[in-house]
Amino acid sequence: MFEKKQVIYSETQGVCAVENIVRLSAVKGEPGVLYYVLRPVFDKDKVSYIPVDNHQVALRELFSEEEARELEKDNEALEKDERLKEAVNYVLHRED
């Protein structure tokens, strides 16, 4: 499970910050389901709610610098996937 304020990678949204983890229910009084509230780093006007369990979207921890450097070498993959390219650049050029 990811933590609040953690930066992760979503195959559909790219680099995202976990803004919150909330419990949502379709029926008042029911326990509800836990959701990640994700805000894309490169599109702060968007927000996504992704179920913590049984989500269809691939979510993973953000790449390490070493993984990003390996991905950077695969220019063809980066040209095909703009989100992946943004994520690699984010990891390699972010200010800590």
Protein backbone atom coordinates (compact mmCIF):
# COMPACT_ATOMS: atom_id res chain seq x y z
CA MET A 1 0.00 0.00 0.00
CA PHE A 2 1.28 3.46 -0.88
CA GLU A 3 1.48 6.24 1.67
CA LYS A 4 -0.01 9.71 1.67
CA LYS A 5 2.37 12.23 -0.01
CA GLN A 6 4.30 9.43 -1.75
CA VAL A 7 5.19 10.04 -5.41
CA ILE A 8 4.37 7.02 -7.58
CA TYR A 9 4.02 6.05 -11.24
CA SER A 10 0.65 5.28 -12.82
CA GLU A 11 0.55 3.77 -16.30
CA THR A 12 -2.40 6.03 -17.18
CA GLN A 13 -1.53 9.24 -15.31
CA GLY A 14 2.29 9.20 -15.24
CA VAL A 15 4.06 10.61 -12.18
CA CYS A 16 1.49 11.21 -9.41
CA ALA A 17 1.44 12.31 -5.81
CA VAL A 18 -0.77 10.33 -3.45
CA GLU A 19 -2.72 13.25 -2.00
CA ASN A 20 -4.83 11.15 0.29
CA ILE A 21 -6.31 7.73 0.96
CA VAL A 22 -10.06 7.93 1.49
CA ARG A 23 -12.93 5.56 2.11
CA LEU A 24 -15.83 6.00 -0.33
CA SER A 25 -19.19 4.27 -0.32
CA ALA A 26 -21.96 4.20 -2.91
CA VAL A 27 -24.54 3.52 -0.19
CA LYS A 28 -24.84 5.64 2.93
CA GLY A 29 -24.04 3.60 6.02
CA GLU A 30 -22.02 0.97 4.14
CA PRO A 31 -18.32 0.62 5.07
CA GLY A 32 -17.03 1.72 1.66
CA VAL A 33 -13.84 1.02 -0.23
CA LEU A 34 -10.40 2.59 0.20
CA TYR A 35 -9.23 4.77 -2.71
CA TYR A 36 -5.98 6.53 -3.52
CA VAL A 37 -6.50 10.18 -4.42
CA LEU A 38 -3.85 10.75 -7.09
CA ARG A 39 -2.81 14.12 -8.51
CA PRO A 40 -0.58 14.00 -11.61
CA VAL A 41 2.62 16.00 -11.10
CA PHE A 42 2.47 17.41 -14.64
CA ASP A 43 -1.27 18.22 -14.65
CA LYS A 44 -2.20 19.58 -11.24
CA ASP A 45 -5.76 20.37 -12.39
CA LYS A 46 -6.63 16.66 -12.59
CA VAL A 47 -7.36 14.23 -9.80
CA SER A 48 -8.00 10.48 -9.96
CA TYR A 49 -9.58 8.08 -7.51
CA ILE A 50 -8.08 4.60 -7.83
CA PRO A 51 -9.19 1.72 -5.57
CA VAL A 52 -6.43 0.56 -3.22
CA ASP A 53 -7.36 -3.08 -3.83
CA ASN A 54 -8.32 -4.67 -7.13
CA HIS A 55 -7.42 -1.67 -9.29
CA GLN A 56 -7.18 -2.12 -13.05
CA VAL A 57 -4.49 0.55 -13.45
CA ALA A 58 -0.87 -0.48 -12.94
CA LEU A 59 0.60 1.54 -10.07
CA ARG A 60 4.19 1.21 -8.88
CA GLU A 61 6.78 3.00 -6.83
CA LEU A 62 8.61 5.63 -8.80
CA PHE A 63 11.73 4.42 -10.58
CA SER A 64 15.07 4.60 -8.87
CA GLU A 65 17.71 6.76 -10.53
CA GLU A 66 19.44 3.59 -11.74
CA GLU A 67 16.20 2.25 -13.28
CA ALA A 68 15.54 5.63 -14.90
CA ARG A 69 19.02 5.63 -16.47
CA GLU A 70 18.38 2.15 -17.90
CA LEU A 71 15.00 3.25 -19.26
CA GLU A 72 16.60 6.37 -20.73
CA LYS A 73 18.76 4.13 -22.94
CA ASP A 74 15.63 2.68 -24.60
CA ASN A 75 14.90 5.71 -26.76
CA GLU A 76 12.26 3.84 -28.79
CA ALA A 77 10.17 3.06 -25.69
CA LEU A 78 10.41 6.66 -24.49
CA GLU A 79 9.30 8.00 -27.87
CA LYS A 80 6.24 5.73 -27.79
CA ASP A 81 5.21 6.58 -24.21
CA GLU A 82 5.19 10.26 -23.24
CA ARG A 83 4.25 9.47 -19.60
CA LEU A 84 7.21 7.14 -19.26
CA LYS A 85 9.49 9.78 -20.76
CA GLU A 86 8.18 12.40 -18.30
CA ALA A 87 8.70 9.98 -15.40
CA VAL A 88 12.30 9.21 -16.40
CA ASN A 89 13.06 12.94 -16.76
CA TYR A 90 11.38 13.65 -13.43
CA VAL A 91 13.57 11.11 -11.62
CA LEU A 92 16.78 12.18 -13.32
CA HIS A 93 16.27 15.93 -13.03
CA ARG A 94 14.28 16.49 -9.85
CA GLU A 95 15.61 18.62 -7.06
CA ASP A 96 15.67 16.74 -3.73
